[in-house]
Protein backbone atom coordinates (compact mmCIF):
# COMPACT_ATOMS: atom_id res chain seq x y z
CA MET A 1 0.00 0.00 0.00
CA LYS A 2 3.01 2.32 0.42
CA TRP A 3 3.25 3.04 -3.31
CA LEU A 4 -0.39 4.17 -3.26
CA SER A 5 0.45 6.88 -0.74
CA ARG A 6 2.35 8.65 -3.52
CA PHE A 7 -1.01 9.42 -5.08
CA SER A 8 -3.77 11.71 -3.88
CA PHE A 9 -6.60 9.71 -2.32
CA LEU A 10 -9.24 12.19 -3.45
CA GLY A 11 -7.58 12.34 -6.87
CA LEU A 12 -7.92 8.56 -7.27
CA VAL A 13 -11.55 8.64 -6.11
CA VAL A 14 -12.49 11.26 -8.68
CA GLY A 15 -10.30 9.55 -11.29
CA LEU A 16 -12.23 6.30 -10.73
CA LEU A 17 -15.49 8.18 -11.14
CA PHE A 18 -14.29 9.70 -14.41
CA TYR A 19 -13.19 6.25 -15.55
CA CYS A 20 -16.76 5.03 -15.15
CA TRP A 21 -18.19 8.06 -16.91
CA SER A 22 -15.79 7.71 -19.84
CA LEU A 23 -17.32 4.35 -20.76
CA THR A 24 -20.86 5.71 -21.05
CA PRO A 25 -22.46 6.13 -24.52
CA SER A 26 -21.43 8.84 -26.95
CA LEU A 27 -22.45 9.72 -30.52
CA LEU A 28 -20.77 6.83 -32.32
CA PRO A 29 -19.24 3.45 -31.51
CA ARG A 30 -15.49 3.63 -31.06
CA ALA A 31 -12.61 1.25 -31.64
CA TRP A 32 -11.34 -0.20 -28.36
CA TYR A 33 -8.02 1.67 -28.57
CA LEU A 34 -9.79 5.01 -29.08
CA GLN A 35 -11.98 4.22 -26.11
CA GLY A 36 -8.78 3.55 -24.18
CA VAL A 37 -7.48 6.99 -25.12
CA ALA A 38 -10.75 8.66 -24.07
CA THR A 39 -10.71 6.73 -20.79
CA GLY A 40 -7.06 7.47 -20.06
CA ILE A 41 -7.50 11.20 -20.61
CA SER A 42 -10.66 11.16 -18.50
CA ILE A 43 -8.90 9.37 -15.62
CA VAL A 44 -6.12 11.96 -15.54
CA THR A 45 -8.64 14.80 -15.80
CA GLY A 46 -10.57 13.39 -12.85
CA TYR A 47 -7.39 12.81 -10.87
CA GLY A 48 -6.30 16.40 -11.50
CA ILE A 49 -9.67 17.74 -10.37
CA GLY A 50 -9.47 15.67 -7.19
CA VAL A 51 -5.95 16.93 -6.46
CA LEU A 52 -7.06 20.50 -7.07
CA VAL A 53 -10.05 20.14 -4.73
CA ALA A 54 -7.86 18.62 -2.01
CA TRP A 55 -5.38 21.49 -2.40
CA GLY A 56 -8.21 24.03 -2.19
CA ILE A 57 -9.54 22.43 0.98
CA ARG A 58 -6.12 22.63 2.60
CA LYS A 59 -5.64 26.24 1.54
CA CYS A 60 -8.99 27.14 3.08
CA GLY A 61 -7.61 26.06 6.45
CA PHE A 62 -9.49 22.78 6.88
CA ASP A 63 -7.56 20.06 8.69
CA VAL A 64 -8.32 16.84 6.79
CA ARG A 65 -5.58 14.67 8.24
CA VAL A 66 -6.74 11.10 8.81
CA PRO A 67 -5.23 8.77 11.46
CA PRO A 68 -2.96 6.09 9.91
CA LYS A 69 -5.33 3.20 10.73
CA ALA A 70 -8.35 5.00 9.31
CA ALA A 71 -6.34 5.97 6.24
CA LYS A 72 -5.38 2.33 5.69
CA VAL A 73 -9.04 1.31 5.88
CA LEU A 74 -9.98 4.00 3.35
CA TRP A 75 -7.29 2.83 0.94
CA ILE A 76 -8.48 -0.78 1.28
CA LEU A 77 -12.08 0.27 0.67
CA LEU A 78 -11.03 2.21 -2.42
CA ALA A 79 -9.13 -0.81 -3.73
CA LEU A 80 -12.14 -3.09 -3.14
CA VAL A 81 -14.47 -0.65 -4.88
CA ALA A 82 -12.07 -0.44 -7.82
CA ILE A 83 -11.86 -4.24 -8.06
CA VAL A 84 -15.65 -4.35 -8.48
CA VAL A 85 -16.25 -1.17 -10.45
CA VAL A 86 -13.47 -1.42 -13.05
CA PRO A 87 -14.52 -4.74 -14.67
CA THR A 88 -18.22 -3.94 -14.21
CA PHE A 89 -17.97 -0.75 -16.22
CA LEU A 90 -15.77 -2.45 -18.80
CA ALA A 91 -18.63 -4.88 -19.38
CA LEU A 92 -21.21 -2.08 -19.38
CA GLY A 93 -19.06 -0.07 -21.78
CA SER A 94 -18.93 -3.00 -24.18
CA ARG A 95 -22.71 -3.31 -24.02
CA TRP A 96 -23.23 0.42 -24.62
CA GLN A 97 -20.87 0.28 -27.59
CA ASN A 98 -22.89 -2.55 -29.12
CA ILE A 99 -26.08 -0.51 -28.69
CA SER A 100 -24.40 2.34 -30.57
CA ARG A 101 -23.25 -0.07 -33.28
CA GLU A 102 -26.79 -1.34 -33.73
CA LEU A 103 -28.15 2.21 -34.02
CA VAL A 104 -25.80 3.02 -36.91
CA GLY A 105 -26.06 -0.37 -38.59
CA ILE A 106 -22.73 -1.96 -37.60
CA GLU A 107 -22.33 -5.54 -36.40
CA SER A 108 -21.72 -6.03 -32.68
CA GLY A 109 -18.11 -6.08 -31.59
CA SER A 110 -16.22 -8.61 -29.50
CA ASN A 111 -16.31 -8.23 -25.72
CA TRP A 112 -12.77 -9.59 -25.57
CA ASP A 113 -11.43 -6.31 -26.97
CA TYR A 114 -12.37 -4.39 -23.87
CA PRO A 115 -9.55 -5.51 -21.55
CA GLY A 116 -7.37 -3.67 -24.05
CA VAL A 117 -9.27 -0.50 -23.17
CA LEU A 118 -8.03 -0.76 -19.60
CA ALA A 119 -4.44 -1.40 -20.68
CA VAL A 120 -4.36 1.62 -23.01
CA ALA A 121 -6.14 3.81 -20.45
CA LEU A 122 -3.75 2.95 -17.60
CA LEU A 123 -0.65 3.37 -19.75
CA LEU A 124 -1.80 6.72 -21.14
CA SER A 125 -2.94 8.03 -17.77
CA LEU A 126 0.43 7.09 -16.23
CA ILE A 127 2.31 8.89 -19.02
CA LEU A 128 0.13 11.99 -18.68
CA LEU A 129 0.49 11.93 -14.90
CA LEU A 130 4.29 11.76 -15.16
CA ILE A 131 4.25 14.68 -17.60
CA GLY A 132 2.06 16.62 -15.20
CA ARG A 133 4.39 15.96 -12.30
CA GLY A 134 7.34 17.02 -14.41
CA LEU A 135 5.65 20.31 -15.23
CA ARG A 136 4.85 20.80 -11.55
CA ARG A 137 8.54 20.47 -10.70
CA VAL A 138 9.39 23.01 -13.38
CA ALA A 139 6.80 25.38 -11.90
CA GLN A 140 8.29 24.86 -8.43
CA PHE A 141 11.74 25.69 -9.78
CA VAL A 142 10.40 28.89 -11.37
CA THR A 143 8.71 29.77 -8.07
CA ARG A 144 12.01 29.46 -6.18
CA GLN A 145 13.60 31.91 -8.59
CA VAL A 146 10.75 34.41 -8.63
CA VAL A 147 10.17 34.34 -4.86
CA ARG A 148 13.38 36.30 -4.43
CA ILE A 149 11.66 39.39 -5.79
CA LEU A 150 7.95 38.70 -5.29
CA PRO A 151 5.75 37.47 -2.42
CA VAL A 152 5.24 33.69 -2.34
CA PRO A 153 1.57 33.66 -3.51
CA VAL A 154 2.39 35.97 -6.42
CA ALA A 155 5.50 33.95 -7.29
CA ARG A 156 3.47 30.75 -7.43
CA ALA A 157 0.85 32.35 -9.66
CA VAL A 158 3.53 33.73 -11.96
CA SER A 159 5.23 30.34 -12.23
CA VAL A 160 1.98 28.62 -13.20
CA VAL A 161 1.23 31.25 -15.84
CA VAL A 162 4.77 31.14 -17.24
CA VAL A 163 4.97 27.35 -17.45
CA GLY A 164 1.46 27.13 -18.89
CA ALA A 165 2.20 29.77 -21.52
CA VAL A 166 5.49 28.13 -22.52
CA VAL A 167 3.83 24.72 -22.88
CA PHE A 168 0.93 26.18 -24.89
CA LEU A 169 3.18 28.15 -27.23
CA ALA A 170 5.52 25.19 -27.66
CA LEU A 171 2.68 22.84 -28.54
CA GLU A 172 1.12 25.40 -30.87
CA GLY A 173 4.45 25.98 -32.57
CA LEU A 174 5.16 22.27 -32.93
CA LEU A 175 1.67 21.68 -34.31
CA ALA A 176 1.96 24.50 -36.83
CA ALA A 177 5.47 23.51 -37.87
CA GLY A 178 4.53 19.84 -38.12
CA ILE A 179 1.47 20.50 -40.23
CA THR A 180 3.42 22.87 -42.47
CA ARG A 181 6.00 20.14 -43.03
CA ILE A 182 3.20 17.73 -43.88
CA ALA A 183 1.63 20.23 -46.28
CA ASP A 184 4.95 20.81 -48.02
CA GLY A 185 5.97 17.17 -47.86
CA SER A 186 3.89 14.02 -47.80
CA ALA A 187 0.56 15.78 -48.42
CA LYS A 188 1.98 17.46 -51.50
CA VAL A 189 3.28 14.12 -52.74
CA VAL A 190 -0.13 12.52 -52.25
CA ASP A 191 -1.67 15.37 -54.23
CA GLU A 192 0.61 14.57 -57.16
CA GLY A 193 -0.90 11.11 -57.51
CA THR A 194 -4.01 10.04 -59.37
CA ALA A 195 -6.60 7.66 -57.94
CA ALA A 196 -6.92 4.22 -59.53
CA GLY A 197 -9.20 4.17 -62.55
CA VAL A 198 -9.17 7.95 -63.03
CA VAL A 199 -8.22 9.03 -66.56
CA GLN A 200 -8.01 12.42 -68.24
CA PRO A 201 -11.42 13.50 -69.60
CA GLN A 202 -11.82 13.88 -73.35
CA SER A 203 -14.86 16.15 -73.20
CA PRO A 204 -14.10 19.87 -73.65
CA ASP A 205 -16.77 20.45 -70.98
CA ARG A 206 -14.25 19.38 -68.34
CA SER A 207 -11.24 21.11 -66.87
CA GLY A 208 -8.09 19.09 -67.42
CA SER A 209 -9.11 18.09 -70.95
CA ASP A 210 -6.98 19.03 -73.95
CA ALA A 211 -9.36 21.96 -74.57
CA SER A 212 -8.97 23.30 -71.04
CA GLU A 213 -6.68 26.09 -69.88
CA GLN A 214 -6.24 24.20 -66.60
CA PRO A 215 -3.74 21.38 -67.28
CA TRP A 216 -4.59 17.88 -66.09
CA ASP A 217 -1.49 17.64 -63.90
CA SER A 218 -2.29 20.97 -62.18
CA LEU A 219 -5.63 19.86 -60.72
CA GLY A 220 -4.38 17.73 -57.84
CA ARG A 221 -5.51 14.24 -56.94
CA GLU A 222 -9.05 15.17 -55.86
CA GLY A 223 -9.48 17.67 -58.69
CA ARG A 224 -8.60 15.01 -61.27
CA THR A 225 -11.05 12.62 -59.66
CA PHE A 226 -13.78 15.27 -59.75
CA VAL A 227 -13.44 16.33 -63.40
CA ALA A 228 -13.05 12.73 -64.58
CA GLY A 229 -16.13 11.55 -62.69
CA GLY A 230 -19.85 11.98 -62.89
CA PRO A 231 -22.50 10.54 -65.20
CA THR A 232 -22.36 10.69 -68.99
CA PRO A 233 -25.33 11.86 -71.09
CA GLU A 234 -26.06 8.22 -71.91
CA GLU A 235 -26.10 7.23 -68.25
CA ILE A 236 -28.35 10.16 -67.36
CA GLY A 237 -30.73 9.40 -70.22
CA ALA A 238 -30.96 5.74 -69.20
CA VAL A 239 -32.31 6.86 -65.81
CA THR A 240 -34.44 9.83 -66.84
CA GLY A 241 -35.78 8.54 -70.15
CA ARG A 242 -34.99 11.91 -71.72
CA PRO A 243 -32.16 13.33 -73.84
CA ALA A 244 -29.35 14.63 -71.66
CA MET A 245 -26.38 16.96 -71.94
CA MET A 246 -22.82 16.41 -70.80
CA PRO A 247 -22.58 17.99 -67.33
CA ILE A 248 -19.91 20.67 -67.07
CA ARG A 249 -17.32 20.37 -64.31
CA VAL A 250 -14.62 23.02 -63.96
CA TYR A 251 -11.82 23.10 -61.42
CA ALA A 252 -8.58 24.86 -60.50
CA GLY A 253 -5.89 23.11 -58.46
CA TYR A 254 -3.86 24.69 -55.67
CA ARG A 255 -0.58 23.38 -57.09
CA SER A 256 -1.05 25.66 -60.11
CA ILE A 257 -0.14 28.54 -57.76
CA GLU A 258 3.61 29.18 -57.64
CA ASN A 259 5.19 28.09 -54.33
CA ALA A 260 1.85 26.80 -53.05
CA GLY A 261 1.94 25.25 -49.60
CA GLY A 262 0.89 25.81 -46.00
CA GLN A 263 -1.94 28.27 -45.36
CA SER A 264 -3.20 29.82 -48.57
CA GLU A 265 -3.34 33.59 -49.07
CA PRO A 266 -6.44 35.55 -50.17
CA GLU A 267 -4.63 36.72 -53.31
CA GLU A 268 -3.92 33.11 -54.26
CA MET A 269 -7.58 32.23 -53.86
CA ASP A 270 -8.61 35.20 -55.99
CA THR A 271 -6.26 33.97 -58.70
CA LEU A 272 -7.70 30.46 -58.62
CA ALA A 273 -11.26 31.80 -58.61
CA SER A 274 -10.57 33.89 -61.72
CA ARG A 275 -9.26 30.76 -63.44
CA VAL A 276 -12.44 28.90 -62.54
CA VAL A 277 -14.58 31.70 -63.99
CA ALA A 278 -12.48 31.61 -67.16
CA GLU A 279 -13.23 27.89 -67.41
CA LEU A 280 -16.93 28.59 -66.93
CA ASP A 281 -16.79 31.05 -69.81
CA ARG A 282 -14.82 28.65 -71.99
CA THR A 283 -17.36 25.85 -71.50
CA ASN A 284 -20.40 28.16 -71.92
CA ALA A 285 -21.47 27.20 -68.42
CA PHE A 286 -23.50 30.40 -68.06
CA ASP A 287 -25.85 29.06 -70.74
CA ARG A 288 -26.79 26.04 -68.64
CA GLU A 289 -29.97 25.77 -66.55
CA TYR A 290 -28.11 25.33 -63.25
CA LEU A 291 -24.75 26.64 -62.12
CA ALA A 292 -23.46 25.32 -58.79
CA VAL A 293 -20.53 26.71 -56.80
CA ALA A 294 -18.98 23.98 -54.65
CA THR A 295 -16.53 24.69 -51.84
CA THR A 296 -14.28 21.68 -51.35
CA THR A 297 -12.81 20.04 -48.25
CA GLY A 298 -9.13 20.26 -47.35
CA ARG A 299 -7.51 18.43 -50.27
CA GLY A 300 -10.07 19.63 -52.77
CA TRP A 301 -12.60 16.79 -52.44
CA VAL A 302 -16.16 17.14 -53.73
CA ASN A 303 -18.77 14.57 -52.64
CA GLU A 304 -19.51 12.61 -55.82
CA ASP A 305 -22.99 11.61 -54.67
CA VAL A 306 -23.96 15.25 -54.08
CA ALA A 307 -22.54 16.39 -57.42
CA SER A 308 -23.94 13.51 -59.49
CA SER A 309 -27.38 13.80 -57.89
CA LEU A 310 -27.68 17.37 -59.11
CA GLU A 311 -26.49 16.40 -62.60
CA TYR A 312 -29.02 13.59 -62.94
CA LEU A 313 -31.90 15.76 -61.74
CA ALA A 314 -30.87 18.52 -64.17
CA ASP A 315 -30.70 16.13 -67.17
CA GLY A 316 -27.04 17.13 -67.39
CA ASN A 317 -28.00 20.74 -68.07
CA SER A 318 -25.72 21.92 -65.28
CA ALA A 319 -22.27 23.20 -64.43
CA ILE A 320 -20.33 22.74 -61.19
CA ALA A 321 -17.41 24.99 -60.30
CA ALA A 322 -14.87 24.12 -57.60
CA MET A 323 -11.26 24.74 -56.62
CA GLN A 324 -8.63 23.44 -54.22
CA TYR A 325 -7.23 25.58 -51.40
CA SER A 326 -4.93 23.20 -49.50
CA PHE A 327 -2.86 20.03 -49.68
CA LEU A 328 -3.91 18.99 -46.17
CA ALA A 329 -6.42 16.28 -45.41
CA SER A 330 -9.55 17.64 -43.72
CA PRO A 331 -8.66 16.47 -40.16
CA LEU A 332 -5.37 18.40 -40.28
CA ALA A 333 -6.98 21.43 -41.91
CA PHE A 334 -9.70 21.23 -39.26
CA LEU A 335 -7.02 21.57 -36.57
CA ALA A 336 -4.59 23.99 -38.13
CA ASP A 337 -6.08 26.00 -40.98
CA ARG A 338 -9.60 27.36 -40.77
CA VAL A 339 -8.64 30.50 -42.68
CA SER A 340 -8.07 28.94 -46.11
CA PRO A 341 -11.59 27.44 -46.43
CA ARG A 342 -13.12 30.85 -45.69
CA ASN A 343 -10.86 32.62 -48.16
CA ALA A 344 -11.61 30.04 -50.83
CA GLY A 345 -15.36 30.03 -50.23
CA ARG A 346 -15.61 33.80 -50.44
CA ALA A 347 -13.27 34.16 -53.42
CA LEU A 348 -14.95 31.54 -55.59
CA PHE A 349 -18.53 32.56 -54.89
CA GLU A 350 -17.86 36.28 -55.30
CA ALA A 351 -16.00 35.73 -58.58
CA VAL A 352 -18.81 33.58 -60.01
CA TYR A 353 -21.52 35.83 -58.59
CA ASP A 354 -19.97 38.97 -60.11
CA ARG A 355 -19.89 37.35 -63.55
CA TRP A 356 -23.38 35.87 -63.15
CA SER A 357 -24.87 39.17 -61.94
CA ASP A 358 -23.99 40.83 -65.24
CA LEU A 359 -26.19 38.39 -67.17
CA ASP A 360 -29.83 38.78 -68.14
CA PRO A 361 -31.92 37.63 -65.14
CA ASN A 362 -34.38 35.98 -67.54
CA THR A 363 -31.82 33.74 -69.22
CA ARG A 364 -28.96 33.23 -66.77
CA PRO A 365 -28.71 29.89 -64.92
CA LYS A 366 -30.11 29.29 -61.47
CA LEU A 367 -27.23 29.85 -59.07
CA LEU A 368 -26.74 27.13 -56.46
CA VAL A 369 -24.14 26.62 -53.74
CA PHE A 370 -23.09 23.54 -51.79
CA GLY A 371 -20.33 22.19 -49.61
CA GLU A 372 -19.64 19.46 -47.10
CA SER A 373 -17.78 19.62 -43.78
CA LEU A 374 -14.99 22.21 -44.19
CA GLY A 375 -16.55 22.94 -47.58
CA SER A 376 -19.80 23.89 -45.87
CA TYR A 377 -17.89 26.04 -43.39
CA GLY A 378 -15.92 27.76 -46.14
CA GLY A 379 -18.85 28.10 -48.52
CA GLN A 380 -21.02 29.83 -45.95
CA SER A 381 -18.28 32.40 -45.36
CA ALA A 382 -19.39 34.08 -48.58
CA PHE A 383 -22.65 35.05 -46.87
CA SER A 384 -23.51 37.20 -43.88
CA GLY A 385 -26.38 34.90 -42.96
CA ALA A 386 -29.53 33.17 -44.14
CA GLN A 387 -31.09 36.25 -45.70
CA ASP A 388 -27.96 36.87 -47.75
CA MET A 389 -28.12 33.29 -49.06
CA ILE A 390 -31.80 33.73 -49.92
CA THR A 391 -31.11 37.02 -51.69
CA ARG A 392 -28.06 35.98 -53.73
CA THR A 393 -28.69 32.32 -54.60
CA ASP A 394 -31.41 30.08 -55.98
CA GLY A 395 -30.72 27.35 -53.45
CA ALA A 396 -28.09 25.80 -51.20
CA LEU A 397 -27.22 22.39 -49.76
CA TRP A 398 -24.92 22.54 -46.74
CA VAL A 399 -23.80 19.10 -45.58
CA GLY A 400 -22.30 18.10 -42.22
CA THR A 401 -21.59 21.68 -41.18
CA PRO A 402 -18.92 22.02 -38.43
CA ASN A 403 -20.17 23.48 -35.16
CA PHE A 404 -17.80 26.44 -35.34
CA THR A 405 -19.45 27.78 -38.52
CA GLU A 406 -20.68 31.25 -37.57
CA GLN A 407 -23.60 31.40 -40.01
CA TRP A 408 -24.87 27.94 -39.02
CA ARG A 409 -24.61 28.85 -35.34
CA ARG A 410 -26.60 32.06 -35.70
CA ILE A 411 -29.32 30.39 -37.77
CA THR A 412 -29.56 27.48 -35.32
CA ASP A 413 -29.76 29.81 -32.33
CA SER A 414 -32.62 31.73 -33.95
CA ARG A 415 -34.79 28.60 -34.15
CA ASP A 416 -38.47 28.71 -33.33
CA PRO A 417 -39.47 27.93 -29.71
CA GLY A 418 -40.04 24.22 -29.18
CA SER A 419 -37.82 22.99 -32.02
CA ARG A 420 -34.70 20.97 -31.22
CA GLU A 421 -31.11 22.00 -31.82
CA ILE A 422 -30.40 18.85 -33.83
CA LEU A 423 -33.26 19.68 -36.24
CA PRO A 424 -34.25 23.31 -35.72
CA VAL A 425 -37.23 24.93 -37.40
CA VAL A 426 -36.33 28.51 -38.34
CA TYR A 427 -39.13 30.98 -39.12
CA GLY A 428 -41.46 28.10 -39.84
CA GLY A 429 -39.04 26.67 -42.39
CA GLN A 430 -40.12 29.21 -44.99
CA ASN A 431 -36.76 29.24 -46.82
CA VAL A 432 -34.32 27.44 -44.53
CA ARG A 433 -34.76 23.86 -43.34
CA PHE A 434 -32.68 21.36 -41.40
CA ALA A 435 -32.92 17.63 -41.98
CA ALA A 436 -31.28 14.35 -41.03
CA THR A 437 -33.40 12.43 -43.55
CA PRO A 438 -35.37 13.63 -46.59
CA ALA A 439 -38.63 13.16 -44.69
CA ASP A 440 -37.56 15.83 -42.18
CA LEU A 441 -37.93 18.48 -44.89
CA THR A 442 -41.71 18.11 -44.70
CA ASP A 443 -42.52 16.21 -41.51
CA LEU A 444 -41.03 18.30 -38.70
CA PRO A 445 -43.60 20.00 -36.43
CA GLY A 446 -43.96 23.74 -37.00
CA LEU A 447 -43.15 23.80 -40.72
CA ARG A 448 -45.13 26.19 -42.88
CA GLN A 449 -45.18 26.78 -46.65
CA TRP A 450 -41.88 25.83 -48.36
CA GLU A 451 -40.87 28.88 -50.41
CA ILE A 452 -38.28 29.44 -53.14
CA PRO A 453 -35.27 29.77 -52.86
CA ARG A 454 -34.60 26.87 -50.53
CA ILE A 455 -31.63 26.48 -48.20
CA VAL A 456 -31.11 23.00 -46.73
CA TYR A 457 -28.81 22.00 -43.88
CA TRP A 458 -28.27 18.24 -43.98
CA GLN A 459 -26.89 16.96 -40.68
CA HIS A 460 -27.04 13.67 -38.77
CA PRO A 461 -27.74 13.55 -35.02
CA SER A 462 -24.74 11.21 -34.68
CA ASP A 463 -22.27 13.40 -36.61
CA PRO A 464 -19.53 14.53 -34.19
CA ILE A 465 -18.22 17.06 -36.73
CA VAL A 466 -21.51 18.92 -36.38
CA TRP A 467 -21.74 18.67 -32.58
CA TRP A 468 -18.13 18.96 -31.42
CA SER A 469 -17.33 22.20 -29.62
CA ALA A 470 -14.88 23.28 -26.94
CA ASP A 471 -17.96 24.43 -25.01
CA LEU A 472 -18.64 20.75 -24.27
CA ILE A 473 -15.92 20.92 -21.61
CA LEU A 474 -18.01 22.90 -19.13
CA ASN A 475 -21.39 23.55 -20.75
CA ARG A 476 -24.28 21.21 -21.51
CA PRO A 477 -25.44 21.90 -25.09
CA ASP A 478 -29.12 22.06 -25.97
CA TRP A 479 -28.87 18.87 -28.04
CA LEU A 480 -28.02 17.00 -24.84
CA ARG A 481 -30.88 18.62 -22.93
CA GLU A 482 -33.43 17.62 -25.57
CA GLU A 483 -34.60 14.28 -26.91
CA ARG A 484 -31.73 12.44 -28.58
CA GLY A 485 -31.64 11.83 -32.33
CA ALA A 486 -32.82 8.57 -33.87
CA ASP A 487 -29.31 7.09 -34.21
CA VAL A 488 -27.93 8.20 -30.83
CA ASP A 489 -28.23 6.14 -27.64
CA LYS A 490 -30.99 7.65 -25.52
CA SER A 491 -28.84 7.18 -22.41
CA MET A 492 -26.09 9.49 -23.67
CA SER A 493 -25.74 12.38 -21.25
CA TRP A 494 -23.47 15.37 -20.75
CA ILE A 495 -20.60 14.99 -18.28
CA PRO A 496 -18.14 17.85 -17.74
CA PHE A 497 -14.80 17.22 -19.48
CA VAL A 498 -15.69 13.61 -20.30
CA THR A 499 -18.24 14.32 -23.04
CA PHE A 500 -15.76 16.66 -24.72
CA TRP A 501 -13.15 13.91 -24.98
CA GLN A 502 -15.73 11.33 -26.06
CA VAL A 503 -17.00 13.47 -28.93
CA THR A 504 -13.42 14.47 -29.83
CA LEU A 505 -12.48 10.81 -30.27
CA ASP A 506 -15.75 10.14 -32.11
CA MET A 507 -14.50 12.43 -34.88
CA VAL A 508 -11.55 10.17 -35.75
CA PHE A 509 -13.64 7.62 -37.67
CA ALA A 510 -16.80 9.69 -38.07
CA ALA A 511 -17.00 8.94 -41.80
CA ASP A 512 -16.30 5.21 -41.41
CA VAL A 513 -19.90 4.28 -40.63
CA PRO A 514 -22.79 3.30 -42.90
CA SER A 515 -24.25 6.10 -45.01
CA GLY A 516 -26.94 8.03 -43.20
CA HIS A 517 -25.03 8.16 -39.93
CA GLY A 518 -22.05 9.99 -38.49
CA HIS A 519 -20.21 12.07 -41.06
CA ASP A 520 -21.13 9.84 -44.02
CA TYR A 521 -23.49 11.60 -46.41
CA GLY A 522 -24.41 9.72 -49.57
CA THR A 523 -27.03 9.13 -52.22
CA GLU A 524 -29.89 10.65 -50.21
CA ALA A 525 -28.55 13.89 -51.69
CA ALA A 526 -30.88 13.20 -54.63
CA TYR A 527 -33.93 13.80 -52.44
CA PHE A 528 -32.51 16.99 -50.96
CA TRP A 529 -31.61 18.44 -54.36
CA ALA A 530 -35.06 17.54 -55.68
CA ASP A 531 -36.65 19.58 -52.90
CA ILE A 532 -34.27 22.49 -53.42
CA LEU A 533 -34.95 22.54 -57.17
CA GLY A 534 -38.70 22.16 -56.66
CA ILE A 535 -38.91 18.83 -58.51
CA GLU A 536 -42.20 17.19 -57.55
CA ASP A 537 -41.90 14.01 -59.63
CA GLN A 538 -41.14 11.58 -56.80
CA ALA A 539 -40.84 8.59 -59.14
CA PHE A 540 -38.13 10.42 -61.10
CA THR A 541 -36.23 11.30 -57.93
CA GLN A 542 -36.52 7.69 -56.75
CA ARG A 543 -35.00 6.44 -60.02
CA VAL A 544 -32.07 8.81 -59.59
CA PHE A 545 -31.57 7.67 -56.00
CA ASP A 546 -31.74 3.99 -57.01
CA ALA A 547 -29.25 4.52 -59.84
CA LEU A 548 -26.78 6.23 -57.52
CA SER A 549 -27.27 3.69 -54.73
CA THR A 550 -26.75 0.67 -56.97
CA GLY A 551 -24.08 2.21 -59.16
CA THR A 552 -26.12 1.56 -62.29
CA GLY A 553 -26.34 5.22 -63.31
């Protein structure tokens, strides 16, 4: 028992409590090793809180010394409780994970994985605890130096601030430098490649073709995939039963900018946007019925299901414009570069809008906007809010919008009384509607007449990208005060600190779940576009959905 005395008793009690909480349900099922990480961080957080409370009690003058015999009894009781509680909550955690798997359509996992959770959690918590103790010793050293010129309480406060600031700045610098190296290194190399099966388009209606001013090798990996993809007129006609046009897809790659790398500059985005508009002019895109401006994710990815759905519904009489603003994968861009998506979203929309605004309102195409994840965040940066979208576009589809998106946050907060945060009704849904499934566009309580233009926010209750926020650390969000979504365990609850780490770890594999859950948005886009475009032929929309779902289109 002597080695236990090196630890804070209250810290271990609270740490054990946080261990139990960390195994409770979250938005998505997690791999056992990610659960181990969440549990390990939670244990250390709880331990730190317990230590802090014990320190506060002592500083308030309370004498909490316990006689040696009584202390020994308390330690034995804690050990006995841990012997019972630790395996019990491992078993409960496994059961809760299987409930989450069932809700999102994944087969149940093996219970034998869960002992690994404990191993990872204990190892990580020990490492973090040792780091914490090391930082405490550094702070004590700083205090001894500062106390020569300042009173002891002030010296201690200064040492904590100094050590905390140094650690924060060091981590921030390492993160920024590391991500910059990735952007200029491996990420750039990945961008040079071409996905299997992707070949240069022959149609002059595509960027990267021989007729295009944007060379094939300048488009980047995702740009090449985008312009080479999509349905042909024959494939569209086979589904619609009508003659179809070749959909236009234009694109500009970030690598076409000299010395591109790291965080993009506004001037670079303006240059790319002007190249996209030149491609729209070259392909006569402004003569099409629909013109869509798509803001991409980090590496320049455009959701093929969302793009193809629009093209099928438009009989190919459409054009989609997009451009790349980074070499980084979305998770890294999410952490380190939230400026580039905004710059790109504003630059591309404004460039297209300026050209489109000069055209005859009676003959110009309907102007649409869409984006997913960071693309939704960046795309919305072109607008001051919902009314601006309604005024300057003919429709929008925002998919899996990150919680930190200012426009989304303001619109959500302005929801009608009685509607839920996960599916808010805003001004009766007159022009703006939120939906997890296509049925939500018409079935939510409080909806009134659906007017044109139509702005749709497509978001799943189980999508951690939508619901993650630093506010989860200390504040219960409305979506955890209200009834849970259809694919979220009803027993999920908010726990200070713990829920934040749970949802943070949920983001790691948020897209690796069946379509319709988490951050995986697929062929249901056909239904959303049909509503946005005002297409009432449900049989036609169903054929498009079926073709996309089965890959026969």
